[in-house]
Protein backbone atom coordinates (compact mmCIF):
# COMPACT_ATOMS: atom_id res chain seq x y z
CA MET A 1 -30.31 -0.33 17.99
CA HIS A 2 -26.60 -0.52 18.93
CA TYR A 3 -25.35 2.87 19.66
CA LEU A 4 -21.43 3.70 19.40
CA ASP A 5 -19.87 5.70 22.25
CA PHE A 6 -19.97 9.06 20.65
CA GLU A 7 -23.75 8.34 19.96
CA LYS A 8 -24.74 8.13 23.50
CA PRO A 9 -26.39 11.58 23.64
CA LEU A 10 -28.38 10.57 20.50
CA ALA A 11 -29.45 7.15 22.09
CA GLU A 12 -31.05 9.16 25.08
CA ILE A 13 -33.11 11.46 22.74
CA GLU A 14 -34.35 8.50 20.38
CA GLY A 15 -35.03 6.47 23.51
CA LYS A 16 -37.13 9.18 25.03
CA ALA A 17 -39.09 9.46 21.83
CA GLU A 18 -39.66 5.67 21.72
CA GLU A 19 -40.65 5.76 25.62
CA LEU A 20 -43.31 8.40 24.87
CA ARG A 21 -44.93 6.51 21.96
CA ALA A 22 -44.86 3.27 23.91
CA MET A 23 -46.68 5.05 26.76
CA ALA A 24 -49.36 6.54 24.23
CA SER A 25 -49.92 3.17 22.73
CA ALA A 26 -50.59 1.67 26.25
CA ASN A 27 -52.82 4.42 27.20
CA PRO A 28 -54.72 5.98 24.17
CA GLU A 29 -55.97 8.98 25.84
CA MET A 30 -52.34 10.28 26.08
CA ASP A 31 -51.59 12.79 23.46
CA VAL A 32 -47.71 12.89 23.20
CA GLU A 33 -46.83 13.04 19.34
CA ASP A 34 -46.18 16.68 19.23
CA GLU A 35 -43.57 16.16 21.98
CA ALA A 36 -42.12 12.90 20.26
CA ARG A 37 -42.01 14.73 16.93
CA ALA A 38 -40.07 17.54 18.70
CA LEU A 39 -37.70 14.85 20.08
CA ASP A 40 -37.24 13.30 16.45
CA ARG A 41 -36.34 16.67 15.12
CA LYS A 42 -33.79 17.23 17.73
CA ALA A 43 -32.41 13.62 17.21
CA GLN A 44 -32.14 14.33 13.49
CA ALA A 45 -30.35 17.58 13.93
CA MET A 46 -27.90 15.81 16.25
CA LEU A 47 -27.34 12.93 13.93
CA THR A 48 -26.65 15.24 11.17
CA ASP A 49 -24.11 17.15 13.33
CA LEU A 50 -22.26 14.02 14.38
CA TYR A 51 -21.97 12.50 11.09
CA THR A 52 -20.83 15.66 9.20
CA LYS A 53 -17.91 15.82 11.79
CA LEU A 54 -16.71 12.30 11.90
CA THR A 55 -13.08 12.06 13.00
CA PRO A 56 -10.86 9.22 11.23
CA TRP A 57 -11.26 7.14 14.65
CA ARG A 58 -15.19 7.44 14.80
CA LYS A 59 -15.09 6.46 11.00
CA CYS A 60 -13.35 3.30 12.36
CA GLN A 61 -16.13 2.72 14.84
CA VAL A 62 -18.71 3.21 12.23
CA ALA A 63 -16.91 0.74 9.76
CA ARG A 64 -17.00 -1.80 12.71
CA HIS A 65 -20.62 -1.32 13.73
CA PRO A 66 -21.96 -4.86 14.70
CA GLU A 67 -25.31 -4.00 12.56
CA ARG A 68 -23.65 -2.99 9.55
CA PRO A 69 -24.38 -5.03 6.52
CA HIS A 70 -21.78 -7.85 5.71
CA CYS A 71 -20.99 -9.82 2.83
CA ARG A 72 -23.64 -12.30 3.05
CA ASP A 73 -26.24 -9.59 3.27
CA TYR A 74 -24.81 -7.99 -0.07
CA ILE A 75 -24.91 -11.29 -1.71
CA ALA A 76 -28.42 -11.85 -0.83
CA ALA A 77 -29.61 -8.57 -1.82
CA LEU A 78 -27.64 -7.92 -5.03
CA PHE A 79 -27.07 -11.30 -6.43
CA THR A 80 -29.43 -14.18 -7.87
CA GLU A 81 -28.92 -17.70 -8.50
CA TYR A 82 -25.79 -17.59 -5.99
CA MET A 83 -24.14 -21.11 -5.77
CA PRO A 84 -21.51 -21.21 -3.07
CA LEU A 85 -18.20 -22.98 -3.70
CA ALA A 86 -16.42 -24.25 -0.73
CA GLY A 87 -12.81 -25.35 0.00
CA ASP A 88 -9.31 -24.89 -1.27
CA ARG A 89 -8.85 -28.35 -2.59
CA GLY A 90 -5.92 -28.77 -0.35
CA PHE A 91 -6.73 -28.44 3.25
CA ALA A 92 -10.15 -26.97 4.33
CA ASP A 93 -13.02 -24.74 3.85
CA ASP A 94 -12.40 -21.26 5.40
CA HIS A 95 -15.96 -19.81 6.59
CA ALA A 96 -14.31 -16.29 6.92
CA VAL A 97 -14.39 -16.26 3.21
CA MET A 98 -17.32 -17.03 1.09
CA GLY A 99 -17.71 -16.97 -2.65
CA GLY A 100 -19.33 -18.67 -5.61
CA LEU A 101 -21.12 -18.31 -8.98
CA ALA A 102 -23.81 -15.70 -9.31
CA ARG A 103 -25.73 -13.41 -11.42
CA PHE A 104 -25.40 -9.66 -11.08
CA ASN A 105 -28.20 -7.85 -13.25
CA ASP A 106 -28.70 -11.25 -14.94
CA ARG A 107 -24.99 -11.33 -15.94
CA PRO A 108 -22.76 -14.23 -14.75
CA VAL A 109 -20.16 -13.27 -12.34
CA MET A 110 -17.92 -14.88 -9.51
CA VAL A 111 -18.44 -12.98 -6.16
CA ILE A 112 -16.02 -13.44 -3.19
CA GLY A 113 -16.04 -11.67 0.00
CA HIS A 114 -14.96 -11.69 3.74
CA GLU A 115 -17.82 -12.67 6.16
CA LYS A 116 -17.86 -11.57 9.85
CA GLY A 117 -21.04 -12.85 11.17
CA ASN A 118 -23.73 -11.09 12.70
CA ASP A 119 -23.92 -12.72 16.24
CA THR A 120 -21.61 -14.42 18.57
CA GLN A 121 -21.94 -17.74 17.13
CA SER A 122 -21.73 -16.78 13.59
CA ARG A 123 -18.76 -14.52 14.29
CA LEU A 124 -17.00 -17.55 16.05
CA THR A 125 -17.89 -19.63 12.78
CA HIS A 126 -16.62 -16.93 10.54
CA ASN A 127 -13.68 -16.17 12.64
CA PHE A 128 -14.69 -12.53 12.75
CA GLY A 129 -13.68 -12.30 9.07
CA MET A 130 -10.32 -13.00 9.62
CA ALA A 131 -9.21 -15.48 6.93
CA ARG A 132 -6.78 -18.40 7.23
CA PRO A 133 -4.41 -19.57 4.31
CA GLU A 134 -7.32 -21.92 3.06
CA GLY A 135 -9.39 -18.92 2.56
CA TYR A 136 -7.10 -17.06 0.34
CA ARG A 137 -6.32 -20.36 -1.43
CA LYS A 138 -10.21 -20.77 -1.94
CA ALA A 139 -10.31 -17.25 -3.36
CA ILE A 140 -7.41 -18.07 -5.75
CA ARG A 141 -9.27 -21.16 -6.91
CA LEU A 142 -12.47 -19.24 -7.61
CA MET A 143 -10.62 -16.35 -9.35
CA GLU A 144 -8.74 -18.93 -11.64
CA MET A 145 -12.07 -20.47 -12.55
CA ALA A 146 -13.56 -16.86 -13.38
CA ASP A 147 -10.51 -16.39 -15.72
CA ARG A 148 -11.13 -19.74 -17.27
CA PHE A 149 -14.74 -19.04 -18.00
CA ARG A 150 -14.37 -15.47 -18.63
CA LEU A 151 -16.51 -14.33 -15.84
CA PRO A 152 -16.12 -10.91 -14.04
CA VAL A 153 -14.91 -11.08 -10.42
CA VAL A 154 -16.67 -8.85 -7.62
CA THR A 155 -14.90 -8.81 -4.33
CA LEU A 156 -16.54 -7.45 -1.00
CA VAL A 157 -13.82 -6.58 1.49
CA ASP A 158 -14.54 -6.50 5.20
CA THR A 159 -11.86 -7.66 7.45
CA PRO A 160 -9.69 -6.61 10.35
CA GLY A 161 -6.82 -8.52 8.73
CA ALA A 162 -5.66 -11.92 8.04
CA TYR A 163 -5.72 -14.38 10.95
CA PRO A 164 -2.31 -14.20 12.94
CA GLY A 165 -2.63 -17.63 14.66
CA LYS A 166 -0.08 -20.32 14.86
CA GLY A 167 -1.88 -22.82 12.68
CA ALA A 168 -2.21 -20.09 9.87
CA GLU A 169 1.47 -19.21 9.92
CA GLU A 170 2.27 -22.96 9.84
CA ARG A 171 0.19 -23.37 6.59
CA GLY A 172 1.80 -20.47 5.08
CA GLN A 173 -0.24 -17.38 5.83
CA SER A 174 2.02 -14.93 4.06
CA GLU A 175 2.52 -17.12 0.81
CA ALA A 176 -1.32 -17.41 0.62
CA ILE A 177 -1.87 -13.69 0.73
CA ALA A 178 0.85 -13.11 -1.78
CA ARG A 179 -0.37 -15.73 -4.09
CA CYS A 180 -3.85 -14.41 -3.87
CA THR A 181 -2.54 -10.84 -4.53
CA GLU A 182 -0.56 -12.03 -7.55
CA THR A 183 -3.75 -13.84 -8.84
CA CYS A 184 -5.56 -10.70 -8.79
CA LEU A 185 -2.95 -9.31 -10.95
CA GLN A 186 -2.75 -12.26 -13.38
CA ILE A 187 -6.53 -12.92 -14.21
CA ARG A 188 -7.77 -11.47 -17.55
CA VAL A 189 -11.35 -10.57 -16.67
CA PRO A 190 -12.89 -7.45 -15.06
CA LEU A 191 -11.96 -7.34 -11.40
CA VAL A 192 -13.98 -4.82 -9.08
CA SER A 193 -13.80 -4.47 -5.45
CA VAL A 194 -15.88 -2.71 -2.79
CA ILE A 195 -14.68 -2.11 0.79
CA ILE A 196 -17.88 -2.43 2.77
CA GLY A 197 -16.44 -2.02 6.30
CA GLU A 198 -12.94 -2.64 7.21
CA GLY A 199 -10.11 -3.07 4.77
CA GLY A 200 -7.20 -4.32 7.06
CA SER A 201 -3.69 -4.77 5.90
CA GLY A 202 -2.64 -7.45 3.42
CA GLY A 203 -5.69 -9.50 4.27
CA ALA A 204 -7.73 -6.89 2.57
CA VAL A 205 -5.26 -6.15 -0.50
CA ALA A 206 -5.36 -9.67 -1.44
CA PHE A 207 -9.00 -9.18 -2.45
CA ALA A 208 -8.71 -5.47 -3.44
CA THR A 209 -6.09 -5.43 -6.15
CA ALA A 210 -8.66 -4.66 -8.76
CA ASN A 211 -9.22 -2.70 -11.91
CA ARG A 212 -11.65 -0.49 -9.97
CA VAL A 213 -11.92 -0.01 -6.01
CA ALA A 214 -14.73 1.65 -4.43
CA MET A 215 -15.21 2.33 -0.66
CA LEU A 216 -18.34 3.01 1.28
CA GLU A 217 -18.39 6.48 2.90
CA HIS A 218 -17.58 5.48 6.42
CA SER A 219 -15.54 2.38 5.69
CA VAL A 220 -11.68 2.32 6.31
CA TYR A 221 -8.77 0.90 4.62
CA SER A 222 -5.36 0.74 5.99
CA VAL A 223 -1.93 -1.06 6.37
CA ILE A 224 -2.58 -1.81 10.01
CA SER A 225 -5.43 -0.97 12.67
CA PRO A 226 -5.15 2.04 14.55
CA GLU A 227 -4.72 0.20 17.87
CA GLY A 228 -1.79 -1.92 16.12
CA CYS A 229 -0.17 1.17 14.88
CA ALA A 230 -0.40 2.99 18.26
CA SER A 231 1.03 -0.12 20.07
CA ILE A 232 3.95 0.04 17.73
CA LEU A 233 4.69 3.59 17.33
CA TRP A 234 3.99 4.81 20.91
CA LYS A 235 3.68 1.64 22.85
CA ASP A 236 0.16 2.46 24.04
CA SER A 237 -2.80 1.15 22.10
CA GLU A 238 -4.88 4.08 23.72
CA LYS A 239 -3.40 6.46 21.34
CA MET A 240 -5.51 4.95 18.38
CA ARG A 241 -7.32 8.41 17.75
CA GLU A 242 -3.85 9.69 16.95
CA ALA A 243 -2.91 6.77 14.91
CA ALA A 244 -6.21 7.05 13.01
CA GLU A 245 -5.54 10.50 11.94
CA ALA A 246 -1.99 9.56 10.88
CA LEU A 247 -2.88 6.55 8.81
CA ARG A 248 -5.05 8.33 6.25
CA LEU A 249 -7.43 5.52 6.38
CA THR A 250 -10.49 6.96 5.37
CA ALA A 251 -12.41 6.85 1.99
CA GLN A 252 -11.88 10.63 1.45
CA ASP A 253 -8.17 10.53 2.02
CA LEU A 254 -7.61 7.37 -0.03
CA LEU A 255 -9.59 8.95 -3.02
CA LYS A 256 -7.28 12.05 -2.73
CA LEU A 257 -4.30 9.68 -2.79
CA GLY A 258 -5.36 7.60 -5.81
CA VAL A 259 -5.55 4.45 -3.80
CA ILE A 260 -9.51 4.08 -4.54
CA ASP A 261 -11.62 5.16 -7.49
CA ARG A 262 -14.82 6.14 -5.93
CA ILE A 263 -16.82 6.80 -2.71
CA ILE A 264 -20.05 5.13 -2.21
CA PRO A 265 -22.49 7.53 -0.16
CA GLU A 266 -24.03 6.19 2.91
CA PRO A 267 -27.37 6.99 4.66
CA LEU A 268 -27.14 9.71 7.44
CA GLY A 269 -25.91 7.66 10.45
CA GLY A 270 -24.16 4.76 8.58
CA ALA A 271 -25.18 1.87 6.40
CA HIS A 272 -26.85 0.18 9.15
CA ARG A 273 -29.58 2.62 9.44
CA ASP A 274 -30.98 2.25 5.88
CA VAL A 275 -29.75 -0.92 4.68
CA ASP A 276 -32.03 -1.02 1.52
CA SER A 277 -30.70 2.48 0.38
CA THR A 278 -27.00 1.17 0.95
CA MET A 279 -27.57 -1.88 -1.21
CA ALA A 280 -29.06 0.23 -4.10
CA SER A 281 -26.06 2.48 -4.04
CA VAL A 282 -23.64 -0.31 -3.88
CA ALA A 283 -25.42 -2.14 -6.78
CA GLY A 284 -25.12 1.14 -8.98
CA THR A 285 -21.72 1.48 -8.17
CA ILE A 286 -20.71 -2.33 -9.15
CA ALA A 287 -22.69 -2.03 -12.28
CA ALA A 288 -20.98 1.33 -13.40
CA MET A 289 -17.59 0.07 -12.50
CA LEU A 290 -18.37 -3.31 -14.69
CA GLY A 291 -19.71 -1.16 -17.36
CA GLN A 292 -16.47 0.66 -17.72
CA LEU A 293 -14.53 -2.53 -18.16
CA GLU A 294 -16.63 -4.84 -20.31
CA ASP A 295 -15.60 -3.80 -23.77
CA LEU A 296 -11.71 -3.75 -22.77
CA PRO A 297 -9.74 -6.55 -24.33
CA ARG A 298 -8.43 -9.21 -21.85
CA ALA A 299 -4.81 -8.08 -22.34
CA GLU A 300 -5.71 -4.40 -21.76
CA LEU A 301 -7.57 -5.44 -18.43
CA LEU A 302 -4.42 -7.08 -17.26
CA ALA A 303 -2.06 -4.24 -18.29
CA ALA A 304 -4.36 -1.61 -16.82
CA ARG A 305 -4.59 -3.08 -13.51
CA ARG A 306 -0.82 -3.57 -13.18
CA ARG A 307 -0.14 0.05 -14.29
CA LYS A 308 -2.75 1.16 -11.79
CA PHE A 309 -0.92 -0.40 -8.92
CA LEU A 310 2.79 0.12 -10.13
CA SER A 311 1.76 4.18 -10.40
CA MET A 312 0.74 4.25 -6.90
CA GLY A 313 2.92 6.60 -5.03
CA SER A 314 4.89 7.47 -7.85
CA LYS A 315 4.01 11.28 -7.74
CA GLY A 316 5.21 11.56 -4.15
CA LEU A 317 8.48 9.67 -5.03
CA ALA A 318 9.10 12.06 -7.90
CA ALA A 319 8.47 15.09 -5.79
């Protein structure tokens, strides 16, 4: 298991327990189970203490955990008869964005999400989840198709942000993000979004301008990364901890601010420690959100989505 910086003391205890059990398996005469169980209890207590006091910066670290389940994992676990659709019909296929037709609880849907990859080669292939303009144009194509065939849209958000490279800018990155956000506001079918890891900047908003938005408990959603914010405000990226506090990027903060609609609990220690439990929680949340929307008329779905986003921040402005 990969341990984050703040989990190093936990790694030592869990490592000692594993070492004891490995020694016992090699030498059956050794009886170390009581000692190993004591270490397990100590590790569980430490894990509980760590994860009940997570700072915003530590939540960023958990959201970026390399073993955290990604879009591909959710599609494989939650959807059946998945048929991937590729390309933007204009330039290329962007592997940072995956999507296609599928069934969720035997109901036809369109699922779209950012894919980061889970090892060096796949991360390079998927550009670490940072979409180029063709990725957003692919998403537009799929959302318009869903609207035409009256299929609900489910988006899974996990990106540090849109790719800022020269080629992406030359092909109209800002325009593609804006058009994708506009398409979210125009389709007349239920649109629900789950932020499963990082929700970074406009690259995330282009997928999450939805009727219902949920976040996993330790995911983050912000206009800029803490490191980027610190570099701009303090000219020092090492002040990312202070920036994370100021950005109000946690699921708990965003629920209070009305940016999201619900928080999905994670297993103790994060989604990667019990993937099956995480998948079940996300499946239940998606089903509940779609259930709230399925009987609404198409015009009301559109109007409600627009009201939701136009009203954000209005209380603060009035005050």
